[in-house]
Amino acid sequence: MKKLVIALFTIVLFTSCSSDDDSNSAETSIVGSWSLTEMNVAIPVDLNNDGSFNRNLINEIPCIEGTSNFSANNDFSQSFSVITQEEINGEIVFGCQGTERNEGTYEIVGDQIKFTIEGPEPITETFDYTLNDNTLKIIMPTDDYGTLEMISQRD
């Protein structure tokens, strides 16, 4: 469970980051506002202890929300639910408490997007991504659950 929480934190940190490049119209179309609609892991999980395993973490922790905004000058901002966990009567219970906001820059190179989160110690990560019409998918590796697909829809 601890590894899942770390993976979820990483997701919150990087998820709705995306990029823009004026040389390609598909890349340019990433500019705008996006809302997180799915967080799919390769291996289904049962985080809400209902006996049903699901790939989409939002179905398991319905309070998860996220938004991302990408500008034409390669800046981005994002806001995501802070995921919590606590033990209640011997069961791990996940929930959300507030939101976390991050800002930084992004760059698209081919089928990858590179994010740099601002801060005292900037964090840079590169992920595979696809952009089809109004659907943005950012694909991240995780240690225990295969890949994580962060899927957002254009607002």
N, C-alpha and C. Protein backbone atom coordinates (compact mmCIF):
# COMPACT_ATOMS: atom_id res chain seq x y z
N MET A 1 0.81 -1.19 0.00
CA MET A 1 0.00 0.00 0.00
C MET A 1 0.86 1.26 0.00
N LYS A 2 1.98 1.22 0.73
CA LYS A 2 2.84 2.40 0.80
C LYS A 2 3.35 2.76 -0.59
N LYS A 3 3.69 1.72 -1.41
CA LYS A 3 4.18 1.99 -2.76
C LYS A 3 3.08 2.60 -3.62
N LEU A 4 1.82 2.17 -3.38
CA LEU A 4 0.71 2.74 -4.13
C LEU A 4 0.55 4.22 -3.78
N VAL A 5 0.67 4.56 -2.52
CA VAL A 5 0.55 5.96 -2.11
C VAL A 5 1.65 6.79 -2.77
N ILE A 6 2.87 6.26 -2.82
CA ILE A 6 3.97 6.97 -3.48
C ILE A 6 3.65 7.13 -4.96
N ALA A 7 3.13 6.07 -5.59
CA ALA A 7 2.77 6.15 -7.00
C ALA A 7 1.68 7.19 -7.21
N LEU A 8 0.68 7.23 -6.34
CA LEU A 8 -0.40 8.21 -6.46
C LEU A 8 0.13 9.62 -6.27
N PHE A 9 1.05 9.81 -5.32
CA PHE A 9 1.64 11.14 -5.13
C PHE A 9 2.38 11.57 -6.38
N THR A 10 3.13 10.64 -6.98
CA THR A 10 3.85 10.95 -8.22
C THR A 10 2.87 11.32 -9.31
N ILE A 11 1.76 10.62 -9.35
CA ILE A 11 0.73 10.91 -10.33
C ILE A 11 0.22 12.33 -10.14
N VAL A 12 -0.09 12.66 -8.90
CA VAL A 12 -0.61 13.99 -8.61
C VAL A 12 0.42 15.04 -8.98
N LEU A 13 1.68 14.73 -8.75
CA LEU A 13 2.74 15.69 -9.03
C LEU A 13 2.87 15.95 -10.52
N PHE A 14 2.75 14.90 -11.33
CA PHE A 14 3.05 15.06 -12.74
C PHE A 14 1.87 14.91 -13.68
N THR A 15 0.76 14.45 -13.22
CA THR A 15 -0.27 14.02 -14.14
C THR A 15 -0.71 14.96 -15.19
N SER A 16 -1.30 16.00 -14.86
CA SER A 16 -1.90 16.73 -15.93
C SER A 16 -0.95 17.69 -16.59
N CYS A 17 0.26 17.34 -16.61
CA CYS A 17 1.21 18.16 -17.33
C CYS A 17 1.14 17.76 -18.79
N SER A 18 1.32 18.71 -19.66
CA SER A 18 1.29 18.45 -21.07
C SER A 18 2.07 19.52 -21.78
N SER A 19 2.16 19.43 -23.11
CA SER A 19 3.08 20.34 -23.76
C SER A 19 2.53 20.98 -25.00
N ASP A 20 3.32 21.91 -25.54
CA ASP A 20 2.94 22.63 -26.74
C ASP A 20 4.16 22.93 -27.57
N ASP A 21 4.00 22.85 -28.89
CA ASP A 21 5.08 23.16 -29.81
C ASP A 21 4.44 23.72 -31.06
N ASP A 22 4.75 24.96 -31.41
CA ASP A 22 4.08 25.63 -32.52
C ASP A 22 4.38 25.00 -33.87
N SER A 23 5.39 24.13 -33.97
CA SER A 23 5.75 23.54 -35.25
C SER A 23 4.82 22.41 -35.65
N ASN A 24 3.94 21.94 -34.79
CA ASN A 24 3.08 20.82 -35.10
C ASN A 24 1.68 21.13 -34.58
N SER A 25 0.67 21.07 -35.45
CA SER A 25 -0.67 21.46 -35.04
C SER A 25 -1.23 20.54 -33.97
N ALA A 26 -0.90 19.23 -33.99
CA ALA A 26 -1.38 18.33 -32.95
C ALA A 26 -0.78 18.73 -31.60
N GLU A 27 0.48 19.12 -31.60
CA GLU A 27 1.11 19.52 -30.36
C GLU A 27 0.55 20.86 -29.89
N THR A 28 0.27 21.77 -30.82
CA THR A 28 -0.27 23.07 -30.47
C THR A 28 -1.64 22.92 -29.83
N SER A 29 -2.38 21.90 -30.21
CA SER A 29 -3.73 21.75 -29.70
C SER A 29 -3.76 21.36 -28.22
N ILE A 30 -2.62 21.09 -27.63
CA ILE A 30 -2.59 20.79 -26.20
C ILE A 30 -2.83 22.05 -25.37
N VAL A 31 -2.66 23.21 -25.96
CA VAL A 31 -2.86 24.48 -25.26
C VAL A 31 -4.32 24.58 -24.85
N GLY A 32 -4.54 24.92 -23.58
CA GLY A 32 -5.89 25.07 -23.07
C GLY A 32 -6.05 24.41 -21.72
N SER A 33 -7.31 24.22 -21.34
CA SER A 33 -7.65 23.64 -20.05
C SER A 33 -8.11 22.20 -20.22
N TRP A 34 -7.69 21.35 -19.27
CA TRP A 34 -7.99 19.92 -19.31
C TRP A 34 -8.47 19.46 -17.94
N SER A 35 -9.41 18.50 -17.95
CA SER A 35 -9.90 17.91 -16.70
C SER A 35 -9.63 16.42 -16.69
N LEU A 36 -9.10 15.94 -15.59
CA LEU A 36 -8.79 14.53 -15.43
C LEU A 36 -10.07 13.71 -15.40
N THR A 37 -10.15 12.66 -16.23
CA THR A 37 -11.34 11.82 -16.27
C THR A 37 -11.05 10.37 -15.90
N GLU A 38 -9.81 9.92 -16.11
CA GLU A 38 -9.45 8.55 -15.77
C GLU A 38 -8.00 8.49 -15.30
N MET A 39 -7.73 7.56 -14.39
CA MET A 39 -6.37 7.23 -13.95
C MET A 39 -6.28 5.71 -13.96
N ASN A 40 -5.88 5.15 -15.10
CA ASN A 40 -5.92 3.70 -15.28
C ASN A 40 -4.57 3.05 -15.01
N VAL A 41 -4.56 2.06 -14.12
CA VAL A 41 -3.38 1.25 -13.87
C VAL A 41 -3.52 -0.05 -14.64
N ALA A 42 -2.38 -0.68 -14.96
CA ALA A 42 -2.40 -1.93 -15.73
C ALA A 42 -3.02 -3.07 -14.92
N ILE A 43 -2.77 -3.09 -13.62
CA ILE A 43 -3.26 -4.16 -12.75
C ILE A 43 -4.42 -3.62 -11.91
N PRO A 44 -5.62 -4.19 -12.06
CA PRO A 44 -6.77 -3.71 -11.29
C PRO A 44 -6.52 -3.78 -9.78
N VAL A 45 -7.09 -2.81 -9.05
CA VAL A 45 -6.94 -2.73 -7.60
C VAL A 45 -8.32 -2.52 -6.95
N ASP A 46 -8.40 -2.84 -5.67
CA ASP A 46 -9.61 -2.60 -4.88
C ASP A 46 -9.24 -1.71 -3.71
N LEU A 47 -9.17 -0.42 -3.94
CA LEU A 47 -8.76 0.52 -2.89
C LEU A 47 -9.92 0.97 -2.00
N ASN A 48 -11.15 0.79 -2.46
CA ASN A 48 -12.30 1.20 -1.65
C ASN A 48 -12.91 0.02 -0.88
N ASN A 49 -12.23 -1.12 -0.94
CA ASN A 49 -12.62 -2.31 -0.16
C ASN A 49 -14.05 -2.77 -0.42
N ASP A 50 -14.53 -2.61 -1.68
CA ASP A 50 -15.88 -3.06 -1.99
C ASP A 50 -15.91 -4.45 -2.62
N GLY A 51 -14.73 -5.08 -2.74
CA GLY A 51 -14.65 -6.42 -3.32
C GLY A 51 -14.56 -6.42 -4.84
N SER A 52 -14.62 -5.25 -5.46
CA SER A 52 -14.55 -5.13 -6.91
C SER A 52 -13.24 -4.46 -7.31
N PHE A 53 -12.48 -5.14 -8.16
CA PHE A 53 -11.19 -4.60 -8.61
C PHE A 53 -11.41 -3.79 -9.88
N ASN A 54 -10.70 -2.67 -9.98
CA ASN A 54 -10.90 -1.74 -11.07
C ASN A 54 -9.56 -1.18 -11.53
N ARG A 55 -9.40 -0.95 -12.82
CA ARG A 55 -8.20 -0.31 -13.34
C ARG A 55 -8.22 1.21 -13.11
N ASN A 56 -9.41 1.80 -13.11
CA ASN A 56 -9.54 3.25 -12.99
C ASN A 56 -9.54 3.65 -11.52
N LEU A 57 -8.47 4.31 -11.08
CA LEU A 57 -8.35 4.71 -9.68
C LEU A 57 -9.42 5.71 -9.26
N ILE A 58 -9.97 6.46 -10.20
CA ILE A 58 -11.03 7.41 -9.86
C ILE A 58 -12.29 6.66 -9.45
N ASN A 59 -12.52 5.48 -10.01
CA ASN A 59 -13.66 4.66 -9.57
C ASN A 59 -13.42 4.11 -8.17
N GLU A 60 -12.18 3.92 -7.79
CA GLU A 60 -11.83 3.40 -6.47
C GLU A 60 -11.75 4.50 -5.42
N ILE A 61 -11.33 5.69 -5.83
CA ILE A 61 -11.24 6.85 -4.93
C ILE A 61 -11.96 8.00 -5.63
N PRO A 62 -13.30 8.03 -5.55
CA PRO A 62 -14.09 8.97 -6.36
C PRO A 62 -13.86 10.45 -6.06
N CYS A 63 -13.19 10.78 -4.97
CA CYS A 63 -12.95 12.19 -4.67
C CYS A 63 -11.78 12.76 -5.47
N ILE A 64 -11.06 11.92 -6.22
CA ILE A 64 -9.92 12.40 -7.01
C ILE A 64 -10.40 13.32 -8.12
N GLU A 65 -9.82 14.51 -8.17
CA GLU A 65 -10.09 15.48 -9.23
C GLU A 65 -8.77 16.09 -9.65
N GLY A 66 -8.72 16.55 -10.90
CA GLY A 66 -7.52 17.20 -11.38
C GLY A 66 -7.80 18.06 -12.58
N THR A 67 -7.09 19.18 -12.65
CA THR A 67 -7.18 20.06 -13.81
C THR A 67 -5.78 20.48 -14.21
N SER A 68 -5.61 20.73 -15.49
CA SER A 68 -4.34 21.21 -16.02
C SER A 68 -4.61 22.31 -17.03
N ASN A 69 -3.70 23.26 -17.06
CA ASN A 69 -3.78 24.36 -18.03
C ASN A 69 -2.41 24.49 -18.70
N PHE A 70 -2.42 24.50 -20.03
CA PHE A 70 -1.19 24.62 -20.80
C PHE A 70 -1.26 25.88 -21.66
N SER A 71 -0.19 26.66 -21.60
CA SER A 71 -0.15 27.91 -22.37
C SER A 71 0.69 27.72 -23.63
N ALA A 72 0.54 28.64 -24.56
CA ALA A 72 1.30 28.60 -25.81
C ALA A 72 2.78 28.89 -25.59
N ASN A 73 3.14 29.48 -24.44
CA ASN A 73 4.56 29.76 -24.17
C ASN A 73 5.22 28.68 -23.33
N ASN A 74 4.61 27.47 -23.32
CA ASN A 74 5.14 26.26 -22.67
C ASN A 74 5.13 26.32 -21.14
N ASP A 75 4.28 27.14 -20.56
CA ASP A 75 4.05 27.10 -19.12
C ASP A 75 2.83 26.22 -18.85
N PHE A 76 2.79 25.61 -17.67
CA PHE A 76 1.61 24.86 -17.28
C PHE A 76 1.34 25.08 -15.81
N SER A 77 0.10 24.86 -15.44
CA SER A 77 -0.29 24.82 -14.03
C SER A 77 -1.24 23.64 -13.89
N GLN A 78 -1.23 23.05 -12.70
CA GLN A 78 -2.11 21.92 -12.45
C GLN A 78 -2.56 21.94 -11.00
N SER A 79 -3.72 21.38 -10.78
CA SER A 79 -4.27 21.27 -9.44
C SER A 79 -4.87 19.88 -9.32
N PHE A 80 -4.47 19.13 -8.27
CA PHE A 80 -4.96 17.78 -8.06
C PHE A 80 -5.32 17.55 -6.61
N SER A 81 -6.26 16.66 -6.39
CA SER A 81 -6.63 16.25 -5.05
C SER A 81 -5.43 15.65 -4.34
N VAL A 82 -5.30 15.95 -3.06
CA VAL A 82 -4.29 15.32 -2.22
C VAL A 82 -4.91 14.04 -1.68
N ILE A 83 -4.32 12.90 -2.02
CA ILE A 83 -4.85 11.60 -1.63
C ILE A 83 -4.32 11.24 -0.24
N THR A 84 -5.24 10.81 0.61
CA THR A 84 -4.88 10.42 1.97
C THR A 84 -5.17 8.94 2.17
N GLN A 85 -4.53 8.39 3.18
CA GLN A 85 -4.85 7.02 3.57
C GLN A 85 -4.76 6.93 5.08
N GLU A 86 -5.65 6.14 5.65
CA GLU A 86 -5.61 5.90 7.08
C GLU A 86 -6.16 4.51 7.35
N GLU A 87 -5.77 3.96 8.47
CA GLU A 87 -6.27 2.64 8.86
C GLU A 87 -7.46 2.83 9.79
N ILE A 88 -8.58 2.22 9.40
CA ILE A 88 -9.80 2.27 10.20
C ILE A 88 -10.28 0.83 10.39
N ASN A 89 -10.36 0.41 11.64
CA ASN A 89 -10.80 -0.95 11.96
C ASN A 89 -10.03 -2.01 11.16
N GLY A 90 -8.74 -1.81 11.02
CA GLY A 90 -7.89 -2.79 10.34
C GLY A 90 -7.88 -2.70 8.83
N GLU A 91 -8.63 -1.78 8.23
CA GLU A 91 -8.65 -1.60 6.78
C GLU A 91 -8.01 -0.28 6.41
N ILE A 92 -7.28 -0.27 5.30
CA ILE A 92 -6.72 0.96 4.77
C ILE A 92 -7.82 1.67 3.98
N VAL A 93 -8.09 2.91 4.34
CA VAL A 93 -9.14 3.70 3.70
C VAL A 93 -8.49 4.90 3.02
N PHE A 94 -8.80 5.08 1.73
CA PHE A 94 -8.27 6.20 0.96
C PHE A 94 -9.32 7.29 0.86
N GLY A 95 -8.85 8.52 0.82
CA GLY A 95 -9.73 9.66 0.66
C GLY A 95 -8.96 10.83 0.07
N CYS A 96 -9.56 12.00 0.10
CA CYS A 96 -8.92 13.20 -0.43
C CYS A 96 -9.05 14.31 0.61
N GLN A 97 -8.01 15.13 0.68
CA GLN A 97 -8.02 16.25 1.62
C GLN A 97 -7.35 17.44 0.95
N GLY A 98 -8.15 18.34 0.44
CA GLY A 98 -7.61 19.53 -0.21
C GLY A 98 -7.03 19.24 -1.58
N THR A 99 -6.35 20.26 -2.11
CA THR A 99 -5.73 20.14 -3.42
C THR A 99 -4.29 20.63 -3.34
N GLU A 100 -3.51 20.17 -4.28
CA GLU A 100 -2.12 20.63 -4.42
C GLU A 100 -1.98 21.25 -5.80
N ARG A 101 -1.33 22.40 -5.84
CA ARG A 101 -1.15 23.12 -7.11
C ARG A 101 0.34 23.14 -7.44
N ASN A 102 0.64 22.85 -8.70
CA ASN A 102 2.01 22.90 -9.20
C ASN A 102 2.05 23.75 -10.46
N GLU A 103 3.20 24.37 -10.68
CA GLU A 103 3.42 25.15 -11.90
C GLU A 103 4.80 24.82 -12.43
N GLY A 104 4.98 25.07 -13.72
CA GLY A 104 6.28 24.81 -14.31
C GLY A 104 6.23 25.00 -15.81
N THR A 105 7.13 24.30 -16.48
CA THR A 105 7.21 24.37 -17.94
C THR A 105 7.10 22.97 -18.52
N TYR A 106 6.73 22.92 -19.79
CA TYR A 106 6.64 21.65 -20.49
C TYR A 106 7.27 21.79 -21.87
N GLU A 107 7.67 20.64 -22.40
CA GLU A 107 8.24 20.59 -23.76
C GLU A 107 7.84 19.27 -24.38
N ILE A 108 7.37 19.32 -25.62
CA ILE A 108 7.02 18.10 -26.35
C ILE A 108 8.12 17.81 -27.35
N VAL A 109 8.61 16.57 -27.31
CA VAL A 109 9.59 16.10 -28.28
C VAL A 109 9.10 14.75 -28.79
N GLY A 110 8.64 14.72 -30.03
CA GLY A 110 8.11 13.48 -30.60
C GLY A 110 6.86 13.06 -29.84
N ASP A 111 6.87 11.81 -29.35
CA ASP A 111 5.72 11.29 -28.61
C ASP A 111 5.96 11.33 -27.10
N GLN A 112 6.84 12.23 -26.67
CA GLN A 112 7.12 12.37 -25.25
C GLN A 112 6.90 13.82 -24.80
N ILE A 113 6.54 13.94 -23.54
CA ILE A 113 6.35 15.26 -22.96
C ILE A 113 7.24 15.35 -21.72
N LYS A 114 7.97 16.45 -21.64
CA LYS A 114 8.90 16.67 -20.53
C LYS A 114 8.36 17.79 -19.67
N PHE A 115 8.22 17.51 -18.36
CA PHE A 115 7.71 18.47 -17.40
C PHE A 115 8.81 18.89 -16.45
N THR A 116 8.86 20.16 -16.15
CA THR A 116 9.72 20.66 -15.09
C THR A 116 8.84 21.41 -14.10
N ILE A 117 8.74 20.86 -12.88
CA ILE A 117 7.94 21.47 -11.82
C ILE A 117 8.81 22.47 -11.08
N GLU A 118 8.34 23.71 -10.94
CA GLU A 118 9.09 24.75 -10.24
C GLU A 118 9.16 24.45 -8.76
N GLY A 119 10.19 24.96 -8.11
CA GLY A 119 10.33 24.82 -6.67
C GLY A 119 11.78 24.99 -6.27
N PRO A 120 12.06 24.93 -4.97
CA PRO A 120 13.44 25.07 -4.51
C PRO A 120 14.37 24.05 -5.16
N GLU A 121 13.85 22.85 -5.37
CA GLU A 121 14.58 21.82 -6.10
C GLU A 121 13.69 21.37 -7.25
N PRO A 122 13.80 22.01 -8.42
CA PRO A 122 12.93 21.66 -9.54
C PRO A 122 12.98 20.17 -9.87
N ILE A 123 11.84 19.63 -10.27
CA ILE A 123 11.73 18.23 -10.62
C ILE A 123 11.42 18.14 -12.10
N THR A 124 12.19 17.32 -12.82
CA THR A 124 11.97 17.13 -14.25
C THR A 124 11.70 15.66 -14.52
N GLU A 125 10.62 15.39 -15.26
CA GLU A 125 10.25 14.02 -15.65
C GLU A 125 9.79 14.05 -17.09
N THR A 126 10.02 12.93 -17.79
CA THR A 126 9.59 12.78 -19.17
C THR A 126 8.70 11.55 -19.28
N PHE A 127 7.56 11.70 -19.97
CA PHE A 127 6.59 10.62 -20.12
C PHE A 127 6.14 10.51 -21.57
N ASP A 128 5.69 9.32 -21.96
CA ASP A 128 5.03 9.14 -23.25
C ASP A 128 3.66 9.80 -23.17
N TYR A 129 3.18 10.29 -24.31
CA TYR A 129 1.85 10.88 -24.31
C TYR A 129 1.23 10.70 -25.69
N THR A 130 -0.10 10.77 -25.73
CA THR A 130 -0.84 10.81 -26.99
C THR A 130 -1.89 11.91 -26.86
N LEU A 131 -2.22 12.49 -28.00
CA LEU A 131 -3.24 13.53 -28.06
C LEU A 131 -4.12 13.22 -29.25
N ASN A 132 -5.38 12.89 -28.98
CA ASN A 132 -6.36 12.58 -30.02
C ASN A 132 -7.57 13.47 -29.82
N ASP A 133 -7.73 14.42 -30.74
CA ASP A 133 -8.84 15.37 -30.65
C ASP A 133 -8.84 16.03 -29.28
N ASN A 134 -9.84 15.73 -28.45
CA ASN A 134 -9.97 16.37 -27.15
C ASN A 134 -9.58 15.46 -25.99
N THR A 135 -8.80 14.41 -26.28
CA THR A 135 -8.36 13.48 -25.24
C THR A 135 -6.85 13.47 -25.16
N LEU A 136 -6.34 13.74 -23.97
CA LEU A 136 -4.91 13.75 -23.70
C LEU A 136 -4.59 12.59 -22.78
N LYS A 137 -3.64 11.74 -23.17
CA LYS A 137 -3.24 10.60 -22.35
C LYS A 137 -1.75 10.70 -22.07
N ILE A 138 -1.39 10.72 -20.79
CA ILE A 138 0.00 10.72 -20.37
C ILE A 138 0.26 9.37 -19.71
N ILE A 139 1.31 8.70 -20.15
CA ILE A 139 1.58 7.33 -19.73
C ILE A 139 2.84 7.31 -18.88
N MET A 140 2.70 6.80 -17.65
CA MET A 140 3.81 6.78 -16.70
C MET A 140 4.07 5.35 -16.22
N PRO A 141 5.32 4.99 -16.04
CA PRO A 141 5.61 3.68 -15.46
C PRO A 141 5.41 3.72 -13.94
N THR A 142 4.98 2.60 -13.36
CA THR A 142 4.92 2.44 -11.91
C THR A 142 5.62 1.13 -11.56
N ASP A 143 6.12 1.02 -10.36
CA ASP A 143 6.82 -0.19 -9.96
C ASP A 143 5.91 -1.40 -9.82
N ASP A 144 4.79 -1.22 -9.16
CA ASP A 144 3.95 -2.37 -8.80
C ASP A 144 2.72 -2.57 -9.68
N TYR A 145 2.31 -1.57 -10.42
CA TYR A 145 1.03 -1.65 -11.13
C TYR A 145 1.16 -1.51 -12.64
N GLY A 146 2.34 -1.76 -13.19
CA GLY A 146 2.54 -1.59 -14.62
C GLY A 146 2.51 -0.12 -14.97
N THR A 147 1.89 0.21 -16.07
CA THR A 147 1.82 1.61 -16.47
C THR A 147 0.59 2.27 -15.87
N LEU A 148 0.69 3.57 -15.74
CA LEU A 148 -0.43 4.39 -15.31
C LEU A 148 -0.78 5.32 -16.46
N GLU A 149 -2.04 5.31 -16.87
CA GLU A 149 -2.51 6.21 -17.92
C GLU A 149 -3.37 7.30 -17.29
N MET A 150 -2.89 8.53 -17.41
CA MET A 150 -3.64 9.68 -16.94
C MET A 150 -4.39 10.24 -18.14
N ILE A 151 -5.70 10.18 -18.12
CA ILE A 151 -6.51 10.60 -19.27
C ILE A 151 -7.30 11.84 -18.88
N SER A 152 -7.16 12.88 -19.68
CA SER A 152 -7.87 14.13 -19.46
C SER A 152 -8.64 14.52 -20.71
N GLN A 153 -9.73 15.25 -20.49
CA GLN A 153 -10.56 15.75 -21.58
C GLN A 153 -10.45 17.27 -21.61
N ARG A 154 -10.44 17.81 -22.84
CA ARG A 154 -10.39 19.27 -22.99
C ARG A 154 -11.68 19.87 -22.45
N ASP A 155 -11.54 20.96 -21.70
CA ASP A 155 -12.72 21.65 -21.15
C ASP A 155 -13.38 22.48 -22.23
